[in-house]
Amino acid sequence: MTDTTPQSFGYWQDYLSITKPKVVALMILTAVVGMLLAVEGRPDVVLMLWANLGIALVAGGGAAFNHVIDARIDKQMARTRLRPIVTGKLSEFQSLLFAIGITVLGMVILALFVNALTAWLTLASLVGYAFIYTGYLKRATPQNIVVGGLAGAAPPLLGWTSMTGSIDAYPLILVLMIFIWTPPHFWALAIYRVDDYRKVGIPMLPVTHGIPYTRLQILLYCFILLAVTLLPVATGHNGLIYLVAVTLLNFRFIWWAWQLRGSEQRQIAFTTFKFSINYLMWLFVALLIDHYWTIRFF
């Protein structure tokens, strides 16, 4: 029998785990790329460090709020049943205090050492993810990840505004790219874990509309993603290096989506999900390499 009595304070690893460090690391990568794309020449390294620290703390706070809000359903899902709140390593109260603490600290850092625009946009992203998506949309509609995905798409914009103090069209294209990437990324996982979502009554698309329909939507979104990720080239912001990289990445993503479309094996859904993470990482690496070593078309 699992001991669900919370420890007095918990271990630091438990607190770290509820911040979803792997997810935050990917967010910070896209934020860093946004920062570097916003400037010509050498960036302000000190400003970048403050901005990344603030964004990471607030993002981690949002993840911790997510753990608290989802504690009830996490107990019933195989993917989340070993989370610290579920196992009793941390109490909901401890986790809530921790979430509030690092969120406030992150906001203070952004407000004092970066700029007000970035601080407010980061707070809006947290509210969108932790409360609007996790607290309401996730349980209200099968389009939850489509609508709620906007909050998770913000880091490139946050990186840009932290360097410039203003919003431009280019970072909004980067936000759109992540926004379109999010549904096929998450729906692949939802197919793999459909029994979990069905058991806890979360209306993910494969639960409400079936797995075949969700497979089709993943494939269609991959084609939309192909078009959207070409916008940096079409608008003259990126050149040949990015074009080659994004073309290869997109055709690989479409290939996996096509394999998923024609297969009943759930494992392919998980493989597609894992590839989608690498896809986003290499997409933003390609943006960065192209920024510093460009062959322009326009």
C-alpha atoms as a PDB file:
ATOM      1  CA  MET A   1       0.000   0.000   0.000  1.00  0.00           C
ATOM      2  CA  THR A   2       1.292   3.459  -0.901  1.00  0.00           C
ATOM      3  CA  ASP A   3       2.016   5.808   1.963  1.00  0.00           C
ATOM      4  CA  THR A   4       0.134   9.012   1.159  1.00  0.00           C
ATOM      5  CA  THR A   5       1.151  10.906   4.281  1.00  0.00           C
ATOM      6  CA  PRO A   6       3.005  14.051   3.130  1.00  0.00           C
ATOM      7  CA  GLN A   7       6.547  14.543   4.325  1.00  0.00           C
ATOM      8  CA  SER A   8       7.170  17.649   6.411  1.00  0.00           C
ATOM      9  CA  PHE A   9       8.610  19.669   3.548  1.00  0.00           C
ATOM     10  CA  GLY A  10       9.276  17.236   0.711  1.00  0.00           C
ATOM     11  CA  TYR A  11      12.530  16.824  -1.157  1.00  0.00           C
ATOM     12  CA  TRP A  12      13.826  19.381  -3.648  1.00  0.00           C
ATOM     13  CA  GLN A  13      13.459  16.802  -6.425  1.00  0.00           C
ATOM     14  CA  ASP A  14       9.737  16.634  -5.729  1.00  0.00           C
ATOM     15  CA  TYR A  15       9.358  20.391  -6.027  1.00  0.00           C
ATOM     16  CA  LEU A  16      11.435  20.375  -9.193  1.00  0.00           C
ATOM     17  CA  SER A  17       9.318  17.631 -10.746  1.00  0.00           C
ATOM     18  CA  ILE A  18       6.040  19.533 -10.347  1.00  0.00           C
ATOM     19  CA  THR A  19       7.515  22.394 -12.402  1.00  0.00           C
ATOM     20  CA  LYS A  20       7.678  20.007 -15.411  1.00  0.00           C
ATOM     21  CA  PRO A  21      11.359  20.833 -16.077  1.00  0.00           C
ATOM     22  CA  LYS A  22      11.516  19.115 -19.482  1.00  0.00           C
ATOM     23  CA  VAL A  23       8.548  21.126 -20.728  1.00  0.00           C
ATOM     24  CA  VAL A  24       9.974  24.338 -19.284  1.00  0.00           C
ATOM     25  CA  ALA A  25      13.341  23.583 -20.913  1.00  0.00           C
ATOM     26  CA  LEU A  26      11.694  23.377 -24.343  1.00  0.00           C
ATOM     27  CA  MET A  27       9.829  26.615 -23.634  1.00  0.00           C
ATOM     28  CA  ILE A  28      13.071  28.335 -22.651  1.00  0.00           C
ATOM     29  CA  LEU A  29      14.739  27.132 -25.858  1.00  0.00           C
ATOM     30  CA  THR A  30      12.016  28.806 -27.916  1.00  0.00           C
ATOM     31  CA  ALA A  31      12.242  31.926 -25.735  1.00  0.00           C
ATOM     32  CA  VAL A  32      16.026  32.105 -26.205  1.00  0.00           C
ATOM     33  CA  VAL A  33      15.602  31.822 -29.957  1.00  0.00           C
ATOM     34  CA  GLY A  34      13.054  34.636 -29.802  1.00  0.00           C
ATOM     35  CA  MET A  35      15.587  36.745 -27.889  1.00  0.00           C
ATOM     36  CA  LEU A  36      18.398  36.135 -30.347  1.00  0.00           C
ATOM     37  CA  LEU A  37      16.197  36.711 -33.385  1.00  0.00           C
ATOM     38  CA  ALA A  38      15.153  40.072 -31.922  1.00  0.00           C
ATOM     39  CA  VAL A  39      18.660  41.577 -31.992  1.00  0.00           C
ATOM     40  CA  GLU A  40      21.394  42.091 -34.514  1.00  0.00           C
ATOM     41  CA  GLY A  41      24.874  41.367 -33.290  1.00  0.00           C
ATOM     42  CA  ARG A  42      25.747  40.567 -29.703  1.00  0.00           C
ATOM     43  CA  PRO A  43      22.757  40.322 -27.329  1.00  0.00           C
ATOM     44  CA  ASP A  44      22.638  41.689 -23.789  1.00  0.00           C
ATOM     45  CA  VAL A  45      23.614  38.499 -21.955  1.00  0.00           C
ATOM     46  CA  VAL A  46      22.682  39.817 -18.509  1.00  0.00           C
ATOM     47  CA  LEU A  47      19.230  40.819 -19.737  1.00  0.00           C
ATOM     48  CA  MET A  48      18.818  37.388 -21.335  1.00  0.00           C
ATOM     49  CA  LEU A  49      19.709  35.664 -18.062  1.00  0.00           C
ATOM     50  CA  TRP A  50      17.195  37.705 -16.055  1.00  0.00           C
ATOM     51  CA  ALA A  51      14.499  37.188 -18.686  1.00  0.00           C
ATOM     52  CA  ASN A  52      15.020  33.438 -18.918  1.00  0.00           C
ATOM     53  CA  LEU A  53      15.067  33.090 -15.142  1.00  0.00           C
ATOM     54  CA  GLY A  54      11.821  35.030 -14.793  1.00  0.00           C
ATOM     55  CA  ILE A  55      10.068  33.196 -17.631  1.00  0.00           C
ATOM     56  CA  ALA A  56      11.246  29.806 -16.313  1.00  0.00           C
ATOM     57  CA  LEU A  57      10.021  30.540 -12.791  1.00  0.00           C
ATOM     58  CA  VAL A  58       6.587  31.658 -13.957  1.00  0.00           C
ATOM     59  CA  ALA A  59       6.320  28.702 -16.360  1.00  0.00           C
ATOM     60  CA  GLY A  60       7.312  26.362 -13.542  1.00  0.00           C
ATOM     61  CA  GLY A  61       4.725  28.006 -11.326  1.00  0.00           C
ATOM     62  CA  GLY A  62       2.070  27.387 -13.951  1.00  0.00           C
ATOM     63  CA  ALA A  63       3.070  23.721 -14.107  1.00  0.00           C
ATOM     64  CA  ALA A  64       2.871  23.463 -10.315  1.00  0.00           C
ATOM     65  CA  PHE A  65      -0.620  25.012 -10.347  1.00  0.00           C
ATOM     66  CA  ASN A  66      -1.495  22.389 -12.974  1.00  0.00           C
ATOM     67  CA  HIS A  67      -0.392  19.612 -10.592  1.00  0.00           C
ATOM     68  CA  VAL A  68      -2.583  21.011  -7.812  1.00  0.00           C
ATOM     69  CA  ILE A  69      -5.653  21.508  -9.998  1.00  0.00           C
ATOM     70  CA  ASP A  70      -5.328  18.060 -11.603  1.00  0.00           C
ATOM     71  CA  ALA A  71      -4.469  16.161  -8.409  1.00  0.00           C
ATOM     72  CA  ARG A  72      -7.824  14.339  -8.348  1.00  0.00           C
ATOM     73  CA  ILE A  73      -7.649  13.007 -11.894  1.00  0.00           C
ATOM     74  CA  ASP A  74      -3.890  12.372 -11.683  1.00  0.00           C
ATOM     75  CA  LYS A  75      -4.614   9.629  -9.135  1.00  0.00           C
ATOM     76  CA  GLN A  76      -6.581   7.702 -11.760  1.00  0.00           C
ATOM     77  CA  MET A  77      -4.244   8.031 -14.749  1.00  0.00           C
ATOM     78  CA  ALA A  78      -1.294   5.713 -15.383  1.00  0.00           C
ATOM     79  CA  ARG A  79       0.805   8.559 -16.817  1.00  0.00           C
ATOM     80  CA  THR A  80       0.430  10.748 -13.732  1.00  0.00           C
ATOM     81  CA  ARG A  81      -0.156   8.366 -10.807  1.00  0.00           C
ATOM     82  CA  LEU A  82       3.431   8.753  -9.552  1.00  0.00           C
ATOM     83  CA  ARG A  83       3.385  12.544  -9.339  1.00  0.00           C
ATOM     84  CA  PRO A  84       4.477  13.866  -5.907  1.00  0.00           C
ATOM     85  CA  ILE A  85       1.037  15.078  -4.839  1.00  0.00           C
ATOM     86  CA  VAL A  86      -0.571  11.769  -5.759  1.00  0.00           C
ATOM     87  CA  THR A  87       2.020   9.697  -3.896  1.00  0.00           C
ATOM     88  CA  GLY A  88       1.904  11.971  -0.876  1.00  0.00           C
ATOM     89  CA  LYS A  89       5.465  13.248  -1.160  1.00  0.00           C
ATOM     90  CA  LEU A  90       4.000  16.753  -1.325  1.00  0.00           C
ATOM     91  CA  SER A  91       0.648  17.995  -0.071  1.00  0.00           C
ATOM     92  CA  GLU A  92      -1.599  20.163  -2.214  1.00  0.00           C
ATOM     93  CA  PHE A  93      -1.022  23.032   0.233  1.00  0.00           C
ATOM     94  CA  GLN A  94       2.759  22.726  -0.015  1.00  0.00           C
ATOM     95  CA  SER A  95       2.563  22.593  -3.790  1.00  0.00           C
ATOM     96  CA  LEU A  96       0.223  25.591  -3.921  1.00  0.00           C
ATOM     97  CA  LEU A  97       2.528  27.696  -1.732  1.00  0.00           C
ATOM     98  CA  PHE A  98       5.479  26.687  -3.888  1.00  0.00           C
ATOM     99  CA  ALA A  99       3.585  27.562  -7.092  1.00  0.00           C
ATOM    100  CA  ILE A 100       2.613  30.981  -5.735  1.00  0.00           C
ATOM    101  CA  GLY A 101       6.128  31.622  -4.449  1.00  0.00           C
ATOM    102  CA  ILE A 102       8.048  30.928  -7.655  1.00  0.00           C
ATOM    103  CA  THR A 103       5.397  32.685  -9.748  1.00  0.00           C
ATOM    104  CA  VAL A 104       5.655  35.852  -7.666  1.00  0.00           C
ATOM    105  CA  LEU A 105       9.459  35.666  -7.719  1.00  0.00           C
ATOM    106  CA  GLY A 106       9.467  35.256 -11.497  1.00  0.00           C
ATOM    107  CA  MET A 107       7.080  38.180 -11.954  1.00  0.00           C
ATOM    108  CA  VAL A 108       9.197  40.429  -9.708  1.00  0.00           C
ATOM    109  CA  ILE A 109      12.324  39.546 -11.707  1.00  0.00           C
ATOM    110  CA  LEU A 110      10.600  40.290 -15.018  1.00  0.00           C
ATOM    111  CA  ALA A 111       9.090  43.547 -13.769  1.00  0.00           C
ATOM    112  CA  LEU A 112      12.289  44.868 -12.155  1.00  0.00           C
ATOM    113  CA  PHE A 113      15.037  43.579 -14.446  1.00  0.00           C
ATOM    114  CA  VAL A 114      13.352  43.070 -17.835  1.00  0.00           C
ATOM    115  CA  ASN A 115      10.264  45.132 -18.712  1.00  0.00           C
ATOM    116  CA  ALA A 116       6.589  45.456 -17.847  1.00  0.00           C
ATOM    117  CA  LEU A 117       5.327  44.192 -21.222  1.00  0.00           C
ATOM    118  CA  THR A 118       7.148  40.874 -20.843  1.00  0.00           C
ATOM    119  CA  ALA A 119       5.969  40.555 -17.238  1.00  0.00           C
ATOM    120  CA  TRP A 120       2.310  41.054 -18.170  1.00  0.00           C
ATOM    121  CA  LEU A 121       2.478  38.751 -21.205  1.00  0.00           C
ATOM    122  CA  THR A 122       4.130  36.042 -19.094  1.00  0.00           C
ATOM    123  CA  LEU A 123       1.428  36.387 -16.445  1.00  0.00           C
ATOM    124  CA  ALA A 124      -1.254  36.175 -19.139  1.00  0.00           C
ATOM    125  CA  SER A 125       0.366  32.985 -20.421  1.00  0.00           C
ATOM    126  CA  LEU A 126       0.307  31.472 -16.935  1.00  0.00           C
ATOM    127  CA  VAL A 127      -3.350  32.384 -16.406  1.00  0.00           C
ATOM    128  CA  GLY A 128      -4.212  30.928 -19.808  1.00  0.00           C
ATOM    129  CA  TYR A 129      -2.479  27.628 -19.131  1.00  0.00           C
ATOM    130  CA  ALA A 130      -2.982  27.030 -15.422  1.00  0.00           C
ATOM    131  CA  PHE A 131      -6.504  28.374 -14.963  1.00  0.00           C
ATOM    132  CA  ILE A 132      -8.312  28.822 -18.294  1.00  0.00           C
ATOM    133  CA  TYR A 133      -6.986  25.605 -19.889  1.00  0.00           C
ATOM    134  CA  THR A 134      -6.355  23.334 -16.894  1.00  0.00           C
ATOM    135  CA  GLY A 135      -9.168  24.648 -14.720  1.00  0.00           C
ATOM    136  CA  TYR A 136     -11.883  24.977 -17.371  1.00  0.00           C
ATOM    137  CA  LEU A 137     -11.205  24.165 -21.035  1.00  0.00           C
ATOM    138  CA  LYS A 138      -9.582  20.786 -20.364  1.00  0.00           C
ATOM    139  CA  ARG A 139     -12.839  19.529 -18.870  1.00  0.00           C
ATOM    140  CA  ALA A 140     -15.227  21.482 -21.089  1.00  0.00           C
ATOM    141  CA  THR A 141     -14.522  20.825 -24.770  1.00  0.00           C
ATOM    142  CA  PRO A 142     -12.659  18.433 -27.094  1.00  0.00           C
ATOM    143  CA  GLN A 143     -11.097  21.546 -28.619  1.00  0.00           C
ATOM    144  CA  ASN A 144      -9.418  22.226 -25.270  1.00  0.00           C
ATOM    145  CA  ILE A 145      -5.861  21.850 -26.521  1.00  0.00           C
ATOM    146  CA  VAL A 146      -6.575  23.951 -29.626  1.00  0.00           C
ATOM    147  CA  VAL A 147      -7.858  26.937 -27.655  1.00  0.00           C
ATOM    148  CA  GLY A 148      -5.590  26.429 -24.660  1.00  0.00           C
ATOM    149  CA  GLY A 149      -2.514  25.905 -26.813  1.00  0.00           C
ATOM    150  CA  LEU A 150      -2.127  29.645 -27.288  1.00  0.00           C
ATOM    151  CA  ALA A 151      -0.766  30.027 -23.760  1.00  0.00           C
ATOM    152  CA  GLY A 152       1.975  27.491 -24.379  1.00  0.00           C
ATOM    153  CA  ALA A 153       2.885  29.163 -27.663  1.00  0.00           C
ATOM    154  CA  ALA A 154       3.926  32.447 -26.057  1.00  0.00           C
ATOM    155  CA  PRO A 155       7.654  31.908 -25.195  1.00  0.00           C
ATOM    156  CA  PRO A 156       9.131  33.155 -28.518  1.00  0.00           C
ATOM    157  CA  LEU A 157       7.100  36.341 -28.125  1.00  0.00           C
ATOM    158  CA  LEU A 158       8.216  36.673 -24.503  1.00  0.00           C
ATOM    159  CA  GLY A 159      11.817  36.305 -25.622  1.00  0.00           C
ATOM    160  CA  TRP A 160      11.350  38.957 -28.286  1.00  0.00           C
ATOM    161  CA  THR A 161       9.652  41.477 -26.007  1.00  0.00           C
ATOM    162  CA  SER A 162      12.256  40.956 -23.283  1.00  0.00           C
ATOM    163  CA  MET A 163      14.897  42.248 -25.701  1.00  0.00           C
ATOM    164  CA  THR A 164      12.885  44.932 -27.500  1.00  0.00           C
ATOM    165  CA  GLY A 165      10.046  45.958 -25.196  1.00  0.00           C
ATOM    166  CA  SER A 166       7.664  45.765 -28.164  1.00  0.00           C
ATOM    167  CA  ILE A 167       5.617  43.300 -30.220  1.00  0.00           C
ATOM    168  CA  ASP A 168       6.441  42.656 -33.878  1.00  0.00           C
ATOM    169  CA  ALA A 169       4.955  40.516 -36.664  1.00  0.00           C
ATOM    170  CA  TYR A 170       7.884  38.074 -36.762  1.00  0.00           C
ATOM    171  CA  PRO A 171       7.523  36.714 -33.201  1.00  0.00           C
ATOM    172  CA  LEU A 172       3.776  36.430 -33.765  1.00  0.00           C
ATOM    173  CA  ILE A 173       4.553  34.088 -36.677  1.00  0.00           C
ATOM    174  CA  LEU A 174       6.657  32.007 -34.290  1.00  0.00           C
ATOM    175  CA  VAL A 175       3.748  31.933 -31.832  1.00  0.00           C
ATOM    176  CA  LEU A 176       1.438  30.800 -34.638  1.00  0.00           C
ATOM    177  CA  MET A 177       3.859  28.000 -35.514  1.00  0.00           C
ATOM    178  CA  ILE A 178       3.782  26.582 -31.974  1.00  0.00           C
ATOM    179  CA  PHE A 179       0.023  27.142 -31.774  1.00  0.00           C
ATOM    180  CA  ILE A 180      -0.549  24.970 -34.869  1.00  0.00           C
ATOM    181  CA  TRP A 181       2.047  22.408 -33.715  1.00  0.00           C
ATOM    182  CA  THR A 182       0.350  21.860 -30.340  1.00  0.00           C
ATOM    183  CA  PRO A 183      -2.801  19.921 -31.413  1.00  0.00           C
ATOM    184  CA  PRO A 184      -1.062  17.172 -33.446  1.00  0.00           C
ATOM    185  CA  HIS A 185       1.621  16.968 -30.758  1.00  0.00           C
ATOM    186  CA  PHE A 186      -0.838  16.479 -27.916  1.00  0.00           C
ATOM    187  CA  TRP A 187      -3.489  14.495 -29.775  1.00  0.00           C
ATOM    188  CA  ALA A 188      -0.869  11.843 -30.562  1.00  0.00           C
ATOM    189  CA  LEU A 189      -0.305  11.456 -26.819  1.00  0.00           C
ATOM    190  CA  ALA A 190      -4.065  11.509 -26.217  1.00  0.00           C
ATOM    191  CA  ILE A 191      -4.499   8.567 -28.601  1.00  0.00           C
ATOM    192  CA  TYR A 192      -1.812   6.638 -26.752  1.00  0.00           C
ATOM    193  CA  ARG A 193      -3.420   7.451 -23.378  1.00  0.00           C
ATOM    194  CA  VAL A 194      -7.057   7.456 -24.510  1.00  0.00           C
ATOM    195  CA  ASP A 195      -8.141   4.936 -21.860  1.00  0.00           C
ATOM    196  CA  ASP A 196      -6.824   7.199 -19.105  1.00  0.00           C
ATOM    197  CA  TYR A 197      -8.701  10.227 -20.414  1.00  0.00           C
ATOM    198  CA  ARG A 198     -11.870   8.207 -20.904  1.00  0.00           C
ATOM    199  CA  LYS A 199     -11.671   6.878 -17.349  1.00  0.00           C
ATOM    200  CA  VAL A 200     -11.442  10.322 -15.763  1.00  0.00           C
ATOM    201  CA  GLY A 201     -14.004  11.941 -18.069  1.00  0.00           C
ATOM    202  CA  ILE A 202     -11.674  14.381 -19.817  1.00  0.00           C
ATOM    203  CA  PRO A 203     -13.180  15.129 -23.263  1.00  0.00           C
ATOM    204  CA  MET A 204     -10.017  14.802 -25.329  1.00  0.00           C
ATOM    205  CA  LEU A 205     -10.680  14.459 -29.049  1.00  0.00           C
ATOM    206  CA  PRO A 206     -10.065  10.681 -29.295  1.00  0.00           C
ATOM    207  CA  VAL A 207     -12.523  10.176 -26.416  1.00  0.00           C
ATOM    208  CA  THR A 208     -15.326  12.302 -27.875  1.00  0.00           C
ATOM    209  CA  HIS A 209     -14.826  11.756 -31.617  1.00  0.00           C
ATOM    210  CA  GLY A 210     -12.906   8.489 -31.763  1.00  0.00           C
ATOM    211  CA  ILE A 211      -9.345   7.561 -32.625  1.00  0.00           C
ATOM    212  CA  PRO A 212      -9.772   7.376 -36.457  1.00  0.00           C
ATOM    213  CA  TYR A 213     -11.140  10.941 -36.536  1.00  0.00           C
ATOM    214  CA  THR A 214      -8.284  12.161 -34.323  1.00  0.00           C
ATOM    215  CA  ARG A 215      -5.713  10.497 -36.589  1.00  0.00           C
ATOM    216  CA  LEU A 216      -7.186  12.383 -39.541  1.00  0.00           C
ATOM    217  CA  GLN A 217      -7.067  15.673 -37.643  1.00  0.00           C
ATOM    218  CA  ILE A 218      -3.397  15.097 -36.785  1.00  0.00           C
ATOM    219  CA  LEU A 219      -2.581  14.570 -40.457  1.00  0.00           C
ATOM    220  CA  LEU A 220      -4.539  17.650 -41.542  1.00  0.00           C
ATOM    221  CA  TYR A 221      -2.862  19.797 -38.891  1.00  0.00           C
ATOM    222  CA  CYS A 222       0.533  18.603 -40.112  1.00  0.00           C
ATOM    223  CA  PHE A 223      -0.266  19.963 -43.567  1.00  0.00           C
ATOM    224  CA  ILE A 224      -1.383  23.262 -42.028  1.00  0.00           C
ATOM    225  CA  LEU A 225       1.840  23.290 -40.026  1.00  0.00           C
ATOM    226  CA  LEU A 226       3.811  22.826 -43.241  1.00  0.00           C
ATOM    227  CA  ALA A 227       2.239  25.985 -44.666  1.00  0.00           C
ATOM    228  CA  VAL A 228       2.589  28.038 -41.479  1.00  0.00           C
ATOM    229  CA  THR A 229       6.244  27.140 -40.921  1.00  0.00           C
ATOM    230  CA  LEU A 230       7.058  28.450 -44.396  1.00  0.00           C
ATOM    231  CA  LEU A 231       5.874  31.941 -43.422  1.00  0.00           C
ATOM    232  CA  PRO A 232       9.303  33.045 -42.092  1.00  0.00           C
ATOM    233  CA  VAL A 233      10.700  32.379 -45.592  1.00  0.00           C
ATOM    234  CA  ALA A 234       7.733  33.924 -47.399  1.00  0.00           C
ATOM    235  CA  THR A 235       8.038  37.106 -45.326  1.00  0.00           C
ATOM    236  CA  GLY A 236      11.793  37.370 -45.904  1.00  0.00           C
ATOM    237  CA  HIS A 237      12.865  36.770 -42.319  1.00  0.00           C
ATOM    238  CA  ASN A 238      14.595  33.472 -42.994  1.00  0.00           C
ATOM    239  CA  GLY A 239      16.379  31.908 -45.931  1.00  0.00           C
ATOM    240  CA  LEU A 240      17.705  28.737 -47.514  1.00  0.00           C
ATOM    241  CA  ILE A 241      19.100  27.013 -44.420  1.00  0.00           C
ATOM    242  CA  TYR A 242      15.809  27.294 -42.584  1.00  0.00           C
ATOM    243  CA  LEU A 243      13.842  26.346 -45.705  1.00  0.00           C
ATOM    244  CA  VAL A 244      15.769  23.098 -46.176  1.00  0.00           C
ATOM    245  CA  ALA A 245      15.556  22.177 -42.495  1.00  0.00           C
ATOM    246  CA  VAL A 246      11.860  22.956 -42.085  1.00  0.00           C
ATOM    247  CA  THR A 247      10.971  21.092 -45.281  1.00  0.00           C
ATOM    248  CA  LEU A 248      12.730  17.940 -44.068  1.00  0.00           C
ATOM    249  CA  LEU A 249      11.190  18.235 -40.603  1.00  0.00           C
ATOM    250  CA  ASN A 250       7.696  18.743 -41.953  1.00  0.00           C
ATOM    251  CA  PHE A 251       7.835  15.834 -44.364  1.00  0.00           C
ATOM    252  CA  ARG A 252       9.073  13.613 -41.547  1.00  0.00           C
ATOM    253  CA  PHE A 253       6.205  14.768 -39.316  1.00  0.00           C
ATOM    254  CA  ILE A 254       3.720  14.175 -42.154  1.00  0.00           C
ATOM    255  CA  TRP A 255       5.240  10.725 -42.699  1.00  0.00           C
ATOM    256  CA  TRP A 256       4.662   9.800 -39.059  1.00  0.00           C
ATOM    257  CA  ALA A 257       1.131  11.225 -39.175  1.00  0.00           C
ATOM    258  CA  TRP A 258       0.471   9.157 -42.303  1.00  0.00           C
ATOM    259  CA  GLN A 259       1.776   6.031 -40.578  1.00  0.00           C
ATOM    260  CA  LEU A 260      -0.482   6.784 -37.618  1.00  0.00           C
ATOM    261  CA  ARG A 261      -3.450   7.343 -39.932  1.00  0.00           C
ATOM    262  CA  GLY A 262      -3.134   3.845 -41.384  1.00  0.00           C
ATOM    263  CA  SER A 263      -2.291   1.875 -38.255  1.00  0.00           C
ATOM    264  CA  GLU A 264      -4.184   0.525 -35.261  1.00  0.00           C
ATOM    265  CA  GLN A 265      -1.010   0.315 -33.158  1.00  0.00           C
ATOM    266  CA  ARG A 266      -1.084   2.796 -30.277  1.00  0.00           C
ATOM    267  CA  GLN A 267       2.711   2.672 -30.040  1.00  0.00           C
ATOM    268  CA  ILE A 268       2.944   4.599 -33.317  1.00  0.00           C
ATOM    269  CA  ALA A 269       0.957   7.387 -31.664  1.00  0.00           C
ATOM    270  CA  PHE A 270       3.545   7.575 -28.896  1.00  0.00           C
ATOM    271  CA  THR A 271       6.391   7.555 -31.426  1.00  0.00           C
ATOM    272  CA  THR A 272       4.674  10.403 -33.273  1.00  0.00           C
ATOM    273  CA  PHE A 273       4.339  12.290 -30.008  1.00  0.00           C
ATOM    274  CA  LYS A 274       8.042  11.866 -29.214  1.00  0.00           C
ATOM    275  CA  PHE A 275       9.042  12.947 -32.722  1.00  0.00           C
ATOM    276  CA  SER A 276       6.891  16.072 -32.407  1.00  0.00           C
ATOM    277  CA  ILE A 277       9.003  17.202 -29.447  1.00  0.00           C
ATOM    278  CA  ASN A 278      12.214  16.790 -31.456  1.00  0.00           C
ATOM    279  CA  TYR A 279      10.499  18.503 -34.377  1.00  0.00           C
ATOM    280  CA  LEU A 280       9.879  21.672 -32.404  1.00  0.00           C
ATOM    281  CA  MET A 281      13.355  21.680 -30.902  1.00  0.00           C
ATOM    282  CA  TRP A 282      15.102  21.346 -34.275  1.00  0.00           C
ATOM    283  CA  LEU A 283      12.717  23.799 -35.906  1.00  0.00           C
ATOM    284  CA  PHE A 284      13.841  26.539 -33.547  1.00  0.00           C
ATOM    285  CA  VAL A 285      17.487  25.506 -33.790  1.00  0.00           C
ATOM    286  CA  ALA A 286      17.150  25.892 -37.583  1.00  0.00           C
ATOM    287  CA  LEU A 287      15.671  29.365 -37.133  1.00  0.00           C
ATOM    288  CA  LEU A 288      18.647  30.340 -35.031  1.00  0.00           C
ATOM    289  CA  ILE A 289      21.307  28.899 -37.343  1.00  0.00           C
ATOM    290  CA  ASP A 290      19.662  30.577 -40.327  1.00  0.00           C
ATOM    291  CA  HIS A 291      19.579  33.893 -38.447  1.00  0.00           C
ATOM    292  CA  TYR A 292      23.353  33.940 -38.103  1.00  0.00           C
ATOM    293  CA  TRP A 293      24.214  32.300 -41.419  1.00  0.00           C
ATOM    294  CA  THR A 294      21.663  33.411 -43.978  1.00  0.00           C
ATOM    295  CA  ILE A 295      21.059  32.927 -47.671  1.00  0.00           C
ATOM    296  CA  ARG A 296      18.115  35.183 -48.433  1.00  0.00           C
ATOM    297  CA  PHE A 297      15.569  34.919 -51.235  1.00  0.00           C
ATOM    298  CA  PHE A 298      14.133  38.419 -50.873  1.00  0.00           C
END
